[in-house]
Amino acid sequence: MPNIKSAIKRVKVTEKKNLRNRMIKSAMKTQIKKFDTAVAANEADAKLLSATQGAVDKAAAKGVIHKNAANRKKARLAKRLAKANA
């Protein structure tokens, strides 16, 4: 545990940010799993895709994942839905 006041504060801030980031990332992963399950059961639709892409966008907007990683994930989701509907 740090002794310096600024270092103590950094530890507190880092813990808070880490918790926030984990929550956002977890919500995104959960939404993606829901989408994958729906695709496997042939129940996926554009509405679910939109909700899933929204969760990915939110994570990117908060800086939890990189912008390009978000775009890559969204493209792969759309590809999966198109393949399932074809």
C-alpha atoms as a PDB file:
ATOM      1  CA  MET A   1       0.000   0.000   0.000  1.00  0.00           C
ATOM      2  CA  PRO A   2       1.441   3.399  -0.927  1.00  0.00           C
ATOM      3  CA  ASN A   3       2.382   5.984   1.688  1.00  0.00           C
ATOM      4  CA  ILE A   4       2.321   9.076  -0.499  1.00  0.00           C
ATOM      5  CA  LYS A   5      -0.996  10.906  -0.643  1.00  0.00           C
ATOM      6  CA  SER A   6      -1.074  11.222  -4.435  1.00  0.00           C
ATOM      7  CA  ALA A   7      -0.207   7.545  -4.838  1.00  0.00           C
ATOM      8  CA  ILE A   8      -3.044   6.593  -2.469  1.00  0.00           C
ATOM      9  CA  LYS A   9      -5.440   8.632  -4.583  1.00  0.00           C
ATOM     10  CA  ARG A  10      -4.167   7.028  -7.807  1.00  0.00           C
ATOM     11  CA  VAL A  11      -4.881   3.571  -6.341  1.00  0.00           C
ATOM     12  CA  LYS A  12      -8.465   4.613  -5.466  1.00  0.00           C
ATOM     13  CA  VAL A  13      -9.083   6.180  -8.877  1.00  0.00           C
ATOM     14  CA  THR A  14      -7.584   3.195 -10.691  1.00  0.00           C
ATOM     15  CA  GLU A  15      -9.795   0.771  -8.750  1.00  0.00           C
ATOM     16  CA  LYS A  16     -12.892   2.810  -9.607  1.00  0.00           C
ATOM     17  CA  LYS A  17     -12.011   3.045 -13.295  1.00  0.00           C
ATOM     18  CA  ASN A  18     -11.129  -0.652 -13.414  1.00  0.00           C
ATOM     19  CA  LEU A  19     -14.525  -1.583 -11.972  1.00  0.00           C
ATOM     20  CA  ARG A  20     -16.341   0.683 -14.453  1.00  0.00           C
ATOM     21  CA  ASN A  21     -14.392  -0.731 -17.404  1.00  0.00           C
ATOM     22  CA  ARG A  22     -15.054  -4.313 -16.320  1.00  0.00           C
ATOM     23  CA  MET A  23     -18.788  -3.614 -16.005  1.00  0.00           C
ATOM     24  CA  ILE A  24     -18.981  -2.123 -19.497  1.00  0.00           C
ATOM     25  CA  LYS A  25     -16.880  -4.898 -21.038  1.00  0.00           C
ATOM     26  CA  SER A  26     -18.929  -7.563 -19.265  1.00  0.00           C
ATOM     27  CA  ALA A  27     -22.210  -6.042 -20.489  1.00  0.00           C
ATOM     28  CA  MET A  28     -20.839  -5.983 -24.034  1.00  0.00           C
ATOM     29  CA  LYS A  29     -19.706  -9.618 -23.868  1.00  0.00           C
ATOM     30  CA  THR A  30     -23.070 -10.695 -22.426  1.00  0.00           C
ATOM     31  CA  GLN A  31     -24.917  -8.982 -25.270  1.00  0.00           C
ATOM     32  CA  ILE A  32     -22.636 -10.643 -27.842  1.00  0.00           C
ATOM     33  CA  LYS A  33     -23.286 -14.051 -26.238  1.00  0.00           C
ATOM     34  CA  LYS A  34     -27.053 -13.405 -26.415  1.00  0.00           C
ATOM     35  CA  PHE A  35     -26.669 -12.579 -30.086  1.00  0.00           C
ATOM     36  CA  ASP A  36     -24.594 -15.706 -30.765  1.00  0.00           C
ATOM     37  CA  THR A  37     -27.172 -17.875 -28.997  1.00  0.00           C
ATOM     38  CA  ALA A  38     -29.974 -16.330 -31.047  1.00  0.00           C
ATOM     39  CA  VAL A  39     -28.027 -16.876 -34.286  1.00  0.00           C
ATOM     40  CA  ALA A  40     -27.443 -20.520 -33.380  1.00  0.00           C
ATOM     41  CA  ALA A  41     -31.194 -20.962 -32.752  1.00  0.00           C
ATOM     42  CA  ASN A  42     -32.133 -19.048 -35.941  1.00  0.00           C
ATOM     43  CA  GLU A  43     -33.921 -16.395 -33.855  1.00  0.00           C
ATOM     44  CA  ALA A  44     -31.576 -13.479 -34.580  1.00  0.00           C
ATOM     45  CA  ASP A  45     -32.958 -10.407 -36.331  1.00  0.00           C
ATOM     46  CA  ALA A  46     -31.869  -6.882 -37.235  1.00  0.00           C
ATOM     47  CA  LYS A  47     -33.240  -5.525 -33.951  1.00  0.00           C
ATOM     48  CA  LEU A  48     -30.991  -7.807 -31.890  1.00  0.00           C
ATOM     49  CA  LEU A  49     -28.043  -6.979 -34.137  1.00  0.00           C
ATOM     50  CA  SER A  50     -28.674  -3.278 -33.571  1.00  0.00           C
ATOM     51  CA  ALA A  51     -28.792  -3.729 -29.784  1.00  0.00           C
ATOM     52  CA  THR A  52     -25.571  -5.733 -29.837  1.00  0.00           C
ATOM     53  CA  GLN A  53     -23.792  -3.201 -32.028  1.00  0.00           C
ATOM     54  CA  GLY A  54     -24.996  -0.487 -29.659  1.00  0.00           C
ATOM     55  CA  ALA A  55     -23.357  -2.261 -26.715  1.00  0.00           C
ATOM     56  CA  VAL A  56     -20.102  -2.515 -28.696  1.00  0.00           C
ATOM     57  CA  ASP A  57     -20.318   1.176 -29.658  1.00  0.00           C
ATOM     58  CA  LYS A  58     -20.893   2.150 -26.026  1.00  0.00           C
ATOM     59  CA  ALA A  59     -17.766   0.271 -24.945  1.00  0.00           C
ATOM     60  CA  ALA A  60     -15.763   2.036 -27.671  1.00  0.00           C
ATOM     61  CA  ALA A  61     -17.191   5.443 -26.745  1.00  0.00           C
ATOM     62  CA  LYS A  62     -16.163   4.921 -23.113  1.00  0.00           C
ATOM     63  CA  GLY A  63     -12.653   3.931 -24.204  1.00  0.00           C
ATOM     64  CA  VAL A  64     -12.916   0.368 -22.932  1.00  0.00           C
ATOM     65  CA  ILE A  65     -12.140  -1.069 -26.366  1.00  0.00           C
ATOM     66  CA  HIS A  66     -10.459   0.574 -29.333  1.00  0.00           C
ATOM     67  CA  LYS A  67     -12.567   2.157 -32.077  1.00  0.00           C
ATOM     68  CA  ASN A  68     -11.173  -0.191 -34.736  1.00  0.00           C
ATOM     69  CA  ALA A  69     -11.781  -3.240 -32.537  1.00  0.00           C
ATOM     70  CA  ALA A  70     -15.397  -2.128 -32.146  1.00  0.00           C
ATOM     71  CA  ASN A  71     -15.811  -1.759 -35.903  1.00  0.00           C
ATOM     72  CA  ARG A  72     -14.270  -5.190 -36.450  1.00  0.00           C
ATOM     73  CA  LYS A  73     -16.639  -6.784 -33.910  1.00  0.00           C
ATOM     74  CA  LYS A  74     -19.670  -5.091 -35.480  1.00  0.00           C
ATOM     75  CA  ALA A  75     -18.682  -6.235 -38.969  1.00  0.00           C
ATOM     76  CA  ARG A  76     -18.269  -9.820 -37.770  1.00  0.00           C
ATOM     77  CA  LEU A  77     -21.664  -9.719 -36.035  1.00  0.00           C
ATOM     78  CA  ALA A  78     -23.358  -8.491 -39.224  1.00  0.00           C
ATOM     79  CA  LYS A  79     -21.552 -11.166 -41.215  1.00  0.00           C
ATOM     80  CA  ARG A  80     -22.775 -13.884 -38.840  1.00  0.00           C
ATOM     81  CA  LEU A  81     -26.370 -12.680 -39.123  1.00  0.00           C
ATOM     82  CA  ALA A  82     -26.180 -12.534 -42.926  1.00  0.00           C
ATOM     83  CA  LYS A  83     -24.720 -16.044 -43.077  1.00  0.00           C
ATOM     84  CA  ALA A  84     -27.437 -17.367 -40.736  1.00  0.00           C
ATOM     85  CA  ASN A  85     -30.223 -15.802 -42.836  1.00  0.00           C
ATOM     86  CA  ALA A  86     -28.794 -17.003 -46.151  1.00  0.00           C
END
